[in-house]
Amino acid sequence: MHHVQHAIQLYEKHGGDFGYALQWHLAHGVVVSAPDCFMLGFFCSRNQPWDAIEVGKADCVHVTMCIGNMRVAGMQVVEAMPYIAYQRQFKNDSRLRITNFRKFYNKLK
């Protein structure tokens, strides 16, 4: 549960509404909550990574937050989509990266 608490603290620190974000991701995306990690994401097209779409039309998972063991979190969705989009927004790096999910996942320790 400490990863969820960390996520809540990050949202509050940056003026976000964690409750709304969680609700939105539950309705439109992916929520992974395990003892080792917490992840929020949504399905998108790598050509339009900011727009959530139906999983059947998607080729990418846009991860909006991942705390804890990213390998455990990624294991939940690595087979679902060929690409991953992500930013390191809470680390002051707003550049969007899009990469092959399998290659990204294999680099994680």
PDB file of N, CA and C in Angstrom:
ATOM      1  N   MET A   1       0.820  -1.203   0.000  1.00  0.00           N
ATOM      2  CA  MET A   1       0.000   0.000   0.000  1.00  0.00           C
ATOM      3  C   MET A   1       0.860   1.263   0.000  1.00  0.00           C
ATOM      4  N   HIS A   2       2.136   1.130   0.353  1.00  0.00           N
ATOM      5  CA  HIS A   2       2.974   2.325   0.422  1.00  0.00           C
ATOM      6  C   HIS A   2       3.173   2.963  -0.947  1.00  0.00           C
ATOM      7  N   HIS A   3       3.090   2.188  -2.039  1.00  0.00           N
ATOM      8  CA  HIS A   3       3.229   2.778  -3.374  1.00  0.00           C
ATOM      9  C   HIS A   3       2.017   3.643  -3.716  1.00  0.00           C
ATOM     10  N   VAL A   4       0.850   3.219  -3.309  1.00  0.00           N
ATOM     11  CA  VAL A   4      -0.362   4.026  -3.528  1.00  0.00           C
ATOM     12  C   VAL A   4      -0.269   5.310  -2.711  1.00  0.00           C
ATOM     13  N   GLN A   5       0.189   5.211  -1.491  1.00  0.00           N
ATOM     14  CA  GLN A   5       0.346   6.404  -0.660  1.00  0.00           C
ATOM     15  C   GLN A   5       1.351   7.366  -1.275  1.00  0.00           C
ATOM     16  N   HIS A   6       2.417   6.843  -1.843  1.00  0.00           N
ATOM     17  CA  HIS A   6       3.406   7.678  -2.519  1.00  0.00           C
ATOM     18  C   HIS A   6       2.769   8.376  -3.722  1.00  0.00           C
ATOM     19  N   ALA A   7       1.961   7.650  -4.485  1.00  0.00           N
ATOM     20  CA  ALA A   7       1.268   8.235  -5.638  1.00  0.00           C
ATOM     21  C   ALA A   7       0.350   9.373  -5.198  1.00  0.00           C
ATOM     22  N   ILE A   8      -0.392   9.166  -4.139  1.00  0.00           N
ATOM     23  CA  ILE A   8      -1.289  10.207  -3.615  1.00  0.00           C
ATOM     24  C   ILE A   8      -0.480  11.433  -3.219  1.00  0.00           C
ATOM     25  N   GLN A   9       0.625  11.236  -2.533  1.00  0.00           N
ATOM     26  CA  GLN A   9       1.478  12.352  -2.110  1.00  0.00           C
ATOM     27  C   GLN A   9       2.022  13.125  -3.310  1.00  0.00           C
ATOM     28  N   LEU A  10       2.446  12.416  -4.362  1.00  0.00           N
ATOM     29  CA  LEU A  10       2.947  13.091  -5.558  1.00  0.00           C
ATOM     30  C   LEU A  10       1.863  13.932  -6.223  1.00  0.00           C
ATOM     31  N   TYR A  11       0.671  13.374  -6.349  1.00  0.00           N
ATOM     32  CA  TYR A  11      -0.424  14.138  -6.949  1.00  0.00           C
ATOM     33  C   TYR A  11      -0.720  15.381  -6.130  1.00  0.00           C
ATOM     34  N   GLU A  12      -0.807  15.231  -4.818  1.00  0.00           N
ATOM     35  CA  GLU A  12      -1.107  16.379  -3.959  1.00  0.00           C
ATOM     36  C   GLU A  12       0.007  17.420  -4.021  1.00  0.00           C
ATOM     37  N   LYS A  13       1.246  16.978  -4.031  1.00  0.00           N
ATOM     38  CA  LYS A  13       2.389  17.886  -4.084  1.00  0.00           C
ATOM     39  C   LYS A  13       2.373  18.738  -5.353  1.00  0.00           C
ATOM     40  N   HIS A  14       1.897  18.160  -6.446  1.00  0.00           N
ATOM     41  CA  HIS A  14       1.879  18.856  -7.731  1.00  0.00           C
ATOM     42  C   HIS A  14       0.501  19.413  -8.082  1.00  0.00           C
ATOM     43  N   GLY A  15      -0.392  19.479  -7.093  1.00  0.00           N
ATOM     44  CA  GLY A  15      -1.702  20.103  -7.295  1.00  0.00           C
ATOM     45  C   GLY A  15      -2.695  19.261  -8.064  1.00  0.00           C
ATOM     46  N   GLY A  16      -2.452  17.984  -8.196  1.00  0.00           N
ATOM     47  CA  GLY A  16      -3.371  17.105  -8.921  1.00  0.00           C
ATOM     48  C   GLY A  16      -4.394  16.473  -7.998  1.00  0.00           C
ATOM     49  N   ASP A  17      -5.384  15.870  -8.595  1.00  0.00           N
ATOM     50  CA  ASP A  17      -6.453  15.188  -7.867  1.00  0.00           C
ATOM     51  C   ASP A  17      -6.294  13.687  -8.098  1.00  0.00           C
ATOM     52  N   PHE A  18      -5.707  12.998  -7.141  1.00  0.00           N
ATOM     53  CA  PHE A  18      -5.448  11.574  -7.296  1.00  0.00           C
ATOM     54  C   PHE A  18      -6.733  10.786  -7.465  1.00  0.00           C
ATOM     55  N   GLY A  19      -7.760  11.124  -6.731  1.00  0.00           N
ATOM     56  CA  GLY A  19      -9.040  10.417  -6.829  1.00  0.00           C
ATOM     57  C   GLY A  19      -9.599  10.467  -8.239  1.00  0.00           C
ATOM     58  N   TYR A  20      -9.549  11.645  -8.842  1.00  0.00           N
ATOM     59  CA  TYR A  20     -10.031  11.793 -10.215  1.00  0.00           C
ATOM     60  C   TYR A  20      -9.157  10.994 -11.176  1.00  0.00           C
ATOM     61  N   ALA A  21      -7.836  11.068 -11.005  1.00  0.00           N
ATOM     62  CA  ALA A  21      -6.916  10.340 -11.887  1.00  0.00           C
ATOM     63  C   ALA A  21      -7.156   8.832 -11.794  1.00  0.00           C
ATOM     64  N   LEU A  22      -7.318   8.332 -10.588  1.00  0.00           N
ATOM     65  CA  LEU A  22      -7.569   6.905 -10.400  1.00  0.00           C
ATOM     66  C   LEU A  22      -8.881   6.502 -11.063  1.00  0.00           C
ATOM     67  N   GLN A  23      -9.912   7.278 -10.833  1.00  0.00           N
ATOM     68  CA  GLN A  23     -11.224   6.987 -11.416  1.00  0.00           C
ATOM     69  C   GLN A  23     -11.153   7.002 -12.945  1.00  0.00           C
ATOM     70  N   TRP A  24     -10.468   7.996 -13.512  1.00  0.00           N
ATOM     71  CA  TRP A  24     -10.350   8.099 -14.967  1.00  0.00           C
ATOM     72  C   TRP A  24      -9.608   6.890 -15.535  1.00  0.00           C
ATOM     73  N   HIS A  25      -8.486   6.513 -14.906  1.00  0.00           N
ATOM     74  CA  HIS A  25      -7.710   5.378 -15.396  1.00  0.00           C
ATOM     75  C   HIS A  25      -8.465   4.058 -15.240  1.00  0.00           C
ATOM     76  N   LEU A  26      -9.256   3.924 -14.191  1.00  0.00           N
ATOM     77  CA  LEU A  26     -10.072   2.720 -14.049  1.00  0.00           C
ATOM     78  C   LEU A  26     -11.101   2.618 -15.169  1.00  0.00           C
ATOM     79  N   ALA A  27     -11.636   3.746 -15.592  1.00  0.00           N
ATOM     80  CA  ALA A  27     -12.660   3.758 -16.636  1.00  0.00           C
ATOM     81  C   ALA A  27     -12.075   3.690 -18.046  1.00  0.00           C
ATOM     82  N   HIS A  28     -10.897   4.283 -18.258  1.00  0.00           N
ATOM     83  CA  HIS A  28     -10.375   4.445 -19.614  1.00  0.00           C
ATOM     84  C   HIS A  28      -9.013   3.803 -19.849  1.00  0.00           C
ATOM     85  N   GLY A  29      -8.449   3.169 -18.852  1.00  0.00           N
ATOM     86  CA  GLY A  29      -7.084   2.707 -19.041  1.00  0.00           C
ATOM     87  C   GLY A  29      -6.713   1.502 -18.223  1.00  0.00           C
ATOM     88  N   VAL A  30      -5.544   1.598 -17.610  1.00  0.00           N
ATOM     89  CA  VAL A  30      -4.934   0.493 -16.891  1.00  0.00           C
ATOM     90  C   VAL A  30      -4.523   0.971 -15.500  1.00  0.00           C
ATOM     91  N   VAL A  31      -4.858   0.183 -14.497  1.00  0.00           N
ATOM     92  CA  VAL A  31      -4.377   0.421 -13.139  1.00  0.00           C
ATOM     93  C   VAL A  31      -3.757  -0.886 -12.657  1.00  0.00           C
ATOM     94  N   VAL A  32      -2.492  -0.821 -12.283  1.00  0.00           N
ATOM     95  CA  VAL A  32      -1.804  -1.987 -11.729  1.00  0.00           C
ATOM     96  C   VAL A  32      -1.435  -1.639 -10.301  1.00  0.00           C
ATOM     97  N   SER A  33      -1.940  -2.428  -9.378  1.00  0.00           N
ATOM     98  CA  SER A  33      -1.608  -2.234  -7.973  1.00  0.00           C
ATOM     99  C   SER A  33      -1.192  -3.581  -7.404  1.00  0.00           C
ATOM    100  N   ALA A  34       0.063  -3.672  -7.032  1.00  0.00           N
ATOM    101  CA  ALA A  34       0.629  -4.903  -6.485  1.00  0.00           C
ATOM    102  C   ALA A  34       1.529  -4.519  -5.323  1.00  0.00           C
ATOM    103  N   PRO A  35       1.927  -5.480  -4.499  1.00  0.00           N
ATOM    104  CA  PRO A  35       2.797  -5.145  -3.371  1.00  0.00           C
ATOM    105  C   PRO A  35       4.089  -4.438  -3.783  1.00  0.00           C
ATOM    106  N   ASP A  36       4.581  -4.718  -4.998  1.00  0.00           N
ATOM    107  CA  ASP A  36       5.856  -4.153  -5.447  1.00  0.00           C
ATOM    108  C   ASP A  36       5.728  -2.893  -6.292  1.00  0.00           C
ATOM    109  N   CYS A  37       4.504  -2.514  -6.689  1.00  0.00           N
ATOM    110  CA  CYS A  37       4.377  -1.401  -7.624  1.00  0.00           C
ATOM    111  C   CYS A  37       2.960  -0.835  -7.678  1.00  0.00           C
ATOM    112  N   PHE A  38       2.871   0.341  -8.283  1.00  0.00           N
ATOM    113  CA  PHE A  38       1.587   0.970  -8.603  1.00  0.00           C
ATOM    114  C   PHE A  38       1.773   1.689  -9.929  1.00  0.00           C
ATOM    115  N   MET A  39       0.862   1.448 -10.889  1.00  0.00           N
ATOM    116  CA  MET A  39       0.989   2.059 -12.203  1.00  0.00           C
ATOM    117  C   MET A  39      -0.374   2.511 -12.720  1.00  0.00           C
ATOM    118  N   LEU A  40      -0.389   3.679 -13.369  1.00  0.00           N
ATOM    119  CA  LEU A  40      -1.549   4.187 -14.081  1.00  0.00           C
ATOM    120  C   LEU A  40      -1.151   4.359 -15.540  1.00  0.00           C
ATOM    121  N   GLY A  41      -2.033   4.019 -16.457  1.00  0.00           N
ATOM    122  CA  GLY A  41      -1.768   4.202 -17.871  1.00  0.00           C
ATOM    123  C   GLY A  41      -3.055   4.139 -18.662  1.00  0.00           C
ATOM    124  N   PHE A  42      -2.949   4.415 -19.953  1.00  0.00           N
ATOM    125  CA  PHE A  42      -4.121   4.284 -20.827  1.00  0.00           C
ATOM    126  C   PHE A  42      -3.666   3.835 -22.204  1.00  0.00           C
ATOM    127  N   PHE A  43      -4.605   3.259 -22.939  1.00  0.00           N
ATOM    128  CA  PHE A  43      -4.321   2.772 -24.280  1.00  0.00           C
ATOM    129  C   PHE A  43      -4.442   3.912 -25.274  1.00  0.00           C
ATOM    130  N   CYS A  44      -3.519   3.941 -26.241  1.00  0.00           N
ATOM    131  CA  CYS A  44      -3.484   5.020 -27.221  1.00  0.00           C
ATOM    132  C   CYS A  44      -2.855   4.518 -28.514  1.00  0.00           C
ATOM    133  N   SER A  45      -2.798   5.395 -29.478  1.00  0.00           N
ATOM    134  CA  SER A  45      -2.044   5.158 -30.702  1.00  0.00           C
ATOM    135  C   SER A  45      -0.703   5.856 -30.539  1.00  0.00           C
ATOM    136  N   ARG A  46       0.366   5.239 -30.969  1.00  0.00           N
ATOM    137  CA  ARG A  46       1.669   5.905 -30.830  1.00  0.00           C
ATOM    138  C   ARG A  46       1.728   7.173 -31.672  1.00  0.00           C
ATOM    139  N   ASN A  47       0.834   7.308 -32.665  1.00  0.00           N
ATOM    140  CA  ASN A  47       0.766   8.523 -33.474  1.00  0.00           C
ATOM    141  C   ASN A  47       0.001   9.645 -32.779  1.00  0.00           C
ATOM    142  N   GLN A  48      -0.820   9.294 -31.805  1.00  0.00           N
ATOM    143  CA  GLN A  48      -1.565  10.272 -31.003  1.00  0.00           C
ATOM    144  C   GLN A  48      -1.529   9.824 -29.539  1.00  0.00           C
ATOM    145  N   PRO A  49      -0.362   9.901 -28.920  1.00  0.00           N
ATOM    146  CA  PRO A  49      -0.191   9.323 -27.582  1.00  0.00           C
ATOM    147  C   PRO A  49      -0.916  10.051 -26.459  1.00  0.00           C
ATOM    148  N   TRP A  50      -1.485  11.214 -26.724  1.00  0.00           N
ATOM    149  CA  TRP A  50      -2.178  11.966 -25.678  1.00  0.00           C
ATOM    150  C   TRP A  50      -3.664  11.626 -25.611  1.00  0.00           C
ATOM    151  N   ASP A  51      -4.154  10.851 -26.593  1.00  0.00           N
ATOM    152  CA  ASP A  51      -5.580  10.557 -26.671  1.00  0.00           C
ATOM    153  C   ASP A  51      -5.853   9.108 -26.311  1.00  0.00           C
ATOM    154  N   ALA A  52      -6.685   8.889 -25.309  1.00  0.00           N
ATOM    155  CA  ALA A  52      -7.088   7.539 -24.930  1.00  0.00           C
ATOM    156  C   ALA A  52      -8.037   6.986 -25.983  1.00  0.00           C
ATOM    157  N   ILE A  53      -7.817   5.728 -26.362  1.00  0.00           N
ATOM    158  CA  ILE A  53      -8.692   5.060 -27.321  1.00  0.00           C
ATOM    159  C   ILE A  53      -9.015   3.662 -26.819  1.00  0.00           C
ATOM    160  N   GLU A  54      -9.925   2.997 -27.513  1.00  0.00           N
ATOM    161  CA  GLU A  54     -10.301   1.633 -27.154  1.00  0.00           C
ATOM    162  C   GLU A  54      -9.099   0.712 -27.317  1.00  0.00           C
ATOM    163  N   VAL A  55      -9.004  -0.263 -26.450  1.00  0.00           N
ATOM    164  CA  VAL A  55      -7.863  -1.165 -26.455  1.00  0.00           C
ATOM    165  C   VAL A  55      -7.723  -1.872 -27.803  1.00  0.00           C
ATOM    166  N   GLY A  56      -8.822  -2.208 -28.455  1.00  0.00           N
ATOM    167  CA  GLY A  56      -8.765  -2.901 -29.734  1.00  0.00           C
ATOM    168  C   GLY A  56      -8.190  -2.063 -30.866  1.00  0.00           C
ATOM    169  N   LYS A  57      -8.164  -0.744 -30.715  1.00  0.00           N
ATOM    170  CA  LYS A  57      -7.636   0.153 -31.740  1.00  0.00           C
ATOM    171  C   LYS A  57      -6.237   0.668 -31.375  1.00  0.00           C
ATOM    172  N   ALA A  58      -5.750   0.312 -30.215  1.00  0.00           N
ATOM    173  CA  ALA A  58      -4.490   0.851 -29.693  1.00  0.00           C
ATOM    174  C   ALA A  58      -3.291  -0.003 -30.101  1.00  0.00           C
ATOM    175  N   ASP A  59      -2.129   0.656 -30.156  1.00  0.00           N
ATOM    176  CA  ASP A  59      -0.868  -0.060 -30.339  1.00  0.00           C
ATOM    177  C   ASP A  59       0.155   0.364 -29.287  1.00  0.00           C
ATOM    178  N   CYS A  60      -0.320   1.116 -28.273  1.00  0.00           N
ATOM    179  CA  CYS A  60       0.594   1.709 -27.293  1.00  0.00           C
ATOM    180  C   CYS A  60      -0.108   1.846 -25.941  1.00  0.00           C
ATOM    181  N   VAL A  61       0.669   1.723 -24.889  1.00  0.00           N
ATOM    182  CA  VAL A  61       0.200   2.046 -23.540  1.00  0.00           C
ATOM    183  C   VAL A  61       0.942   3.304 -23.110  1.00  0.00           C
ATOM    184  N   HIS A  62       0.191   4.343 -22.774  1.00  0.00           N
ATOM    185  CA  HIS A  62       0.785   5.587 -22.275  1.00  0.00           C
ATOM    186  C   HIS A  62       0.768   5.490 -20.748  1.00  0.00           C
ATOM    187  N   VAL A  63       1.924   5.270 -20.168  1.00  0.00           N
ATOM    188  CA  VAL A  63       2.039   5.146 -18.711  1.00  0.00           C
ATOM    189  C   VAL A  63       2.136   6.548 -18.135  1.00  0.00           C
ATOM    190  N   THR A  64       1.171   6.903 -17.309  1.00  0.00           N
ATOM    191  CA  THR A  64       1.155   8.237 -16.723  1.00  0.00           C
ATOM    192  C   THR A  64       1.806   8.274 -15.351  1.00  0.00           C
ATOM    193  N   MET A  65       1.918   7.124 -14.701  1.00  0.00           N
ATOM    194  CA  MET A  65       2.599   7.062 -13.403  1.00  0.00           C
ATOM    195  C   MET A  65       3.009   5.626 -13.129  1.00  0.00           C
ATOM    196  N   CYS A  66       4.220   5.462 -12.639  1.00  0.00           N
ATOM    197  CA  CYS A  66       4.672   4.149 -12.204  1.00  0.00           C
ATOM    198  C   CYS A  66       5.589   4.346 -11.002  1.00  0.00           C
ATOM    199  N   ILE A  67       5.238   3.698  -9.933  1.00  0.00           N
ATOM    200  CA  ILE A  67       6.005   3.789  -8.693  1.00  0.00           C
ATOM    201  C   ILE A  67       6.371   2.376  -8.254  1.00  0.00           C
ATOM    202  N   GLY A  68       7.597   2.215  -7.830  1.00  0.00           N
ATOM    203  CA  GLY A  68       8.043   0.911  -7.370  1.00  0.00           C
ATOM    204  C   GLY A  68       8.733   0.145  -8.476  1.00  0.00           C
ATOM    205  N   ASN A  69       8.572  -1.149  -8.485  1.00  0.00           N
ATOM    206  CA  ASN A  69       9.252  -2.036  -9.411  1.00  0.00           C
ATOM    207  C   ASN A  69       8.581  -1.967 -10.789  1.00  0.00           C
ATOM    208  N   MET A  70       9.218  -1.245 -11.718  1.00  0.00           N
ATOM    209  CA  MET A  70       8.638  -1.066 -13.049  1.00  0.00           C
ATOM    210  C   MET A  70       8.585  -2.382 -13.814  1.00  0.00           C
ATOM    211  N   ARG A  71       9.475  -3.292 -13.531  1.00  0.00           N
ATOM    212  CA  ARG A  71       9.444  -4.590 -14.213  1.00  0.00           C
ATOM    213  C   ARG A  71       8.179  -5.359 -13.838  1.00  0.00           C
ATOM    214  N   VAL A  72       7.813  -5.349 -12.578  1.00  0.00           N
ATOM    215  CA  VAL A  72       6.587  -6.023 -12.137  1.00  0.00           C
ATOM    216  C   VAL A  72       5.370  -5.346 -12.763  1.00  0.00           C
ATOM    217  N   ALA A  73       5.357  -4.019 -12.764  1.00  0.00           N
ATOM    218  CA  ALA A  73       4.232  -3.290 -13.362  1.00  0.00           C
ATOM    219  C   ALA A  73       4.133  -3.561 -14.852  1.00  0.00           C
ATOM    220  N   GLY A  74       5.259  -3.496 -15.539  1.00  0.00           N
ATOM    221  CA  GLY A  74       5.265  -3.721 -16.974  1.00  0.00           C
ATOM    222  C   GLY A  74       4.871  -5.126 -17.363  1.00  0.00           C
ATOM    223  N   MET A  75       5.174  -6.076 -16.496  1.00  0.00           N
ATOM    224  CA  MET A  75       4.832  -7.466 -16.760  1.00  0.00           C
ATOM    225  C   MET A  75       3.319  -7.627 -16.961  1.00  0.00           C
ATOM    226  N   GLN A  76       2.551  -6.748 -16.355  1.00  0.00           N
ATOM    227  CA  GLN A  76       1.097  -6.833 -16.447  1.00  0.00           C
ATOM    228  C   GLN A  76       0.569  -6.427 -17.824  1.00  0.00           C
ATOM    229  N   VAL A  77       1.335  -5.610 -18.555  1.00  0.00           N
ATOM    230  CA  VAL A  77       0.838  -5.099 -19.844  1.00  0.00           C
ATOM    231  C   VAL A  77       1.810  -5.277 -21.003  1.00  0.00           C
ATOM    232  N   VAL A  78       2.984  -5.861 -20.786  1.00  0.00           N
ATOM    233  CA  VAL A  78       3.994  -5.952 -21.844  1.00  0.00           C
ATOM    234  C   VAL A  78       3.494  -6.742 -23.053  1.00  0.00           C
ATOM    235  N   GLU A  79       2.667  -7.714 -22.856  1.00  0.00           N
ATOM    236  CA  GLU A  79       2.145  -8.511 -23.973  1.00  0.00           C
ATOM    237  C   GLU A  79       0.949  -7.850 -24.637  1.00  0.00           C
ATOM    238  N   ALA A  80       0.369  -6.854 -23.999  1.00  0.00           N
ATOM    239  CA  ALA A  80      -0.852  -6.225 -24.524  1.00  0.00           C
ATOM    240  C   ALA A  80      -0.584  -5.297 -25.702  1.00  0.00           C
ATOM    241  N   MET A  81       0.516  -4.559 -25.682  1.00  0.00           N
ATOM    242  CA  MET A  81       0.782  -3.541 -26.700  1.00  0.00           C
ATOM    243  C   MET A  81       2.249  -3.580 -27.121  1.00  0.00           C
ATOM    244  N   PRO A  82       2.520  -3.281 -28.397  1.00  0.00           N
ATOM    245  CA  PRO A  82       3.922  -3.285 -28.833  1.00  0.00           C
ATOM    246  C   PRO A  82       4.714  -2.053 -28.408  1.00  0.00           C
ATOM    247  N   TYR A  83       4.039  -0.944 -28.050  1.00  0.00           N
ATOM    248  CA  TYR A  83       4.757   0.289 -27.716  1.00  0.00           C
ATOM    249  C   TYR A  83       4.343   0.825 -26.354  1.00  0.00           C
ATOM    250  N   ILE A  84       5.269   1.582 -25.764  1.00  0.00           N
ATOM    251  CA  ILE A  84       5.015   2.273 -24.499  1.00  0.00           C
ATOM    252  C   ILE A  84       5.363   3.747 -24.696  1.00  0.00           C
ATOM    253  N   ALA A  85       4.519   4.610 -24.157  1.00  0.00           N
ATOM    254  CA  ALA A  85       4.777   6.053 -24.125  1.00  0.00           C
ATOM    255  C   ALA A  85       4.870   6.439 -22.651  1.00  0.00           C
ATOM    256  N   TYR A  86       5.817   7.313 -22.331  1.00  0.00           N
ATOM    257  CA  TYR A  86       5.965   7.734 -20.939  1.00  0.00           C
ATOM    258  C   TYR A  86       6.750   9.034 -20.860  1.00  0.00           C
ATOM    259  N   GLN A  87       6.574   9.709 -19.731  1.00  0.00           N
ATOM    260  CA  GLN A  87       7.332  10.904 -19.388  1.00  0.00           C
ATOM    261  C   GLN A  87       7.854  10.711 -17.981  1.00  0.00           C
ATOM    262  N   ARG A  88       8.820  11.496 -17.633  1.00  0.00           N
ATOM    263  CA  ARG A  88       9.311  11.502 -16.246  1.00  0.00           C
ATOM    264  C   ARG A  88       8.903  12.832 -15.632  1.00  0.00           C
ATOM    265  N   GLN A  89       7.612  13.079 -15.685  1.00  0.00           N
ATOM    266  CA  GLN A  89       7.042  14.369 -15.309  1.00  0.00           C
ATOM    267  C   GLN A  89       7.381  14.779 -13.880  1.00  0.00           C
ATOM    268  N   PHE A  90       7.322  13.854 -12.956  1.00  0.00           N
ATOM    269  CA  PHE A  90       7.606  14.192 -11.570  1.00  0.00           C
ATOM    270  C   PHE A  90       9.107  14.293 -11.305  1.00  0.00           C
ATOM    271  N   LYS A  91       9.915  14.011 -12.321  1.00  0.00           N
ATOM    272  CA  LYS A  91      11.358  14.174 -12.217  1.00  0.00           C
ATOM    273  C   LYS A  91      11.823  15.345 -13.083  1.00  0.00           C
ATOM    274  N   ASN A  92      10.900  16.262 -13.361  1.00  0.00           N
ATOM    275  CA  ASN A  92      11.189  17.480 -14.128  1.00  0.00           C
ATOM    276  C   ASN A  92      11.703  17.199 -15.534  1.00  0.00           C
ATOM    277  N   ASP A  93      11.170  16.187 -16.164  1.00  0.00           N
ATOM    278  CA  ASP A  93      11.527  15.874 -17.544  1.00  0.00           C
ATOM    279  C   ASP A  93      10.228  15.613 -18.293  1.00  0.00           C
ATOM    280  N   SER A  94       9.743  16.597 -19.000  1.00  0.00           N
ATOM    281  CA  SER A  94       8.434  16.474 -19.634  1.00  0.00           C
ATOM    282  C   SER A  94       8.495  15.901 -21.049  1.00  0.00           C
ATOM    283  N   ARG A  95       9.671  15.499 -21.507  1.00  0.00           N
ATOM    284  CA  ARG A  95       9.794  14.947 -22.857  1.00  0.00           C
ATOM    285  C   ARG A  95       9.071  13.601 -22.940  1.00  0.00           C
ATOM    286  N   LEU A  96       8.183  13.479 -23.917  1.00  0.00           N
ATOM    287  CA  LEU A  96       7.468  12.225 -24.134  1.00  0.00           C
ATOM    288  C   LEU A  96       8.364  11.267 -24.908  1.00  0.00           C
ATOM    289  N   ARG A  97       8.472  10.071 -24.393  1.00  0.00           N
ATOM    290  CA  ARG A  97       9.250   9.033 -25.062  1.00  0.00           C
ATOM    291  C   ARG A  97       8.277   7.951 -25.529  1.00  0.00           C
ATOM    292  N   ILE A  98       8.497   7.439 -26.720  1.00  0.00           N
ATOM    293  CA  ILE A  98       7.726   6.312 -27.233  1.00  0.00           C
ATOM    294  C   ILE A  98       8.743   5.294 -27.725  1.00  0.00           C
ATOM    295  N   THR A  99       8.626   4.083 -27.223  1.00  0.00           N
ATOM    296  CA  THR A  99       9.608   3.060 -27.571  1.00  0.00           C
ATOM    297  C   THR A  99       8.935   1.693 -27.630  1.00  0.00           C
ATOM    298  N   ASN A 100       9.624   0.756 -28.203  1.00  0.00           N
ATOM    299  CA  ASN A 100       9.143  -0.612 -28.254  1.00  0.00           C
ATOM    300  C   ASN A 100       9.030  -1.143 -26.825  1.00  0.00           C
ATOM    301  N   PHE A 101       7.861  -1.625 -26.471  1.00  0.00           N
ATOM    302  CA  PHE A 101       7.609  -2.055 -25.091  1.00  0.00           C
ATOM    303  C   PHE A 101       8.505  -3.229 -24.720  1.00  0.00           C
ATOM    304  N   ARG A 102       8.686  -4.190 -25.588  1.00  0.00           N
ATOM    305  CA  ARG A 102       9.498  -5.360 -25.270  1.00  0.00           C
ATOM    306  C   ARG A 102      10.949  -4.954 -25.001  1.00  0.00           C
ATOM    307  N   LYS A 103      11.521  -4.075 -25.834  1.00  0.00           N
ATOM    308  CA  LYS A 103      12.896  -3.616 -25.619  1.00  0.00           C
ATOM    309  C   LYS A 103      13.009  -2.845 -24.311  1.00  0.00           C
ATOM    310  N   PHE A 104      12.040  -1.975 -24.036  1.00  0.00           N
ATOM    311  CA  PHE A 104      12.027  -1.208 -22.792  1.00  0.00           C
ATOM    312  C   PHE A 104      11.954  -2.151 -21.599  1.00  0.00           C
ATOM    313  N   TYR A 105      11.045  -3.096 -21.649  1.00  0.00           N
ATOM    314  CA  TYR A 105      10.832  -4.034 -20.553  1.00  0.00           C
ATOM    315  C   TYR A 105      12.086  -4.871 -20.297  1.00  0.00           C
ATOM    316  N   ASN A 106      12.740  -5.310 -21.364  1.00  0.00           N
ATOM    317  CA  ASN A 106      13.931  -6.137 -21.202  1.00  0.00           C
ATOM    318  C   ASN A 106      15.108  -5.378 -20.597  1.00  0.00           C
ATOM    319  N   LYS A 107      15.122  -4.058 -20.682  1.00  0.00           N
ATOM    320  CA  LYS A 107      16.188  -3.252 -20.088  1.00  0.00           C
ATOM    321  C   LYS A 107      15.975  -3.019 -18.581  1.00  0.00           C
ATOM    322  N   LEU A 108      14.753  -3.240 -18.113  1.00  0.00           N
ATOM    323  CA  LEU A 108      14.461  -3.018 -16.691  1.00  0.00           C
ATOM    324  C   LEU A 108      15.120  -4.103 -15.863  1.00  0.00           C
ATOM    325  N   LYS A 109      15.576  -3.693 -14.687  1.00  0.00           N
ATOM    326  CA  LYS A 109      16.212  -4.659 -13.780  1.00  0.00           C
ATOM    327  C   LYS A 109      15.192  -5.260 -12.859  1.00  0.00           C
TER     328      LYS A 109
END
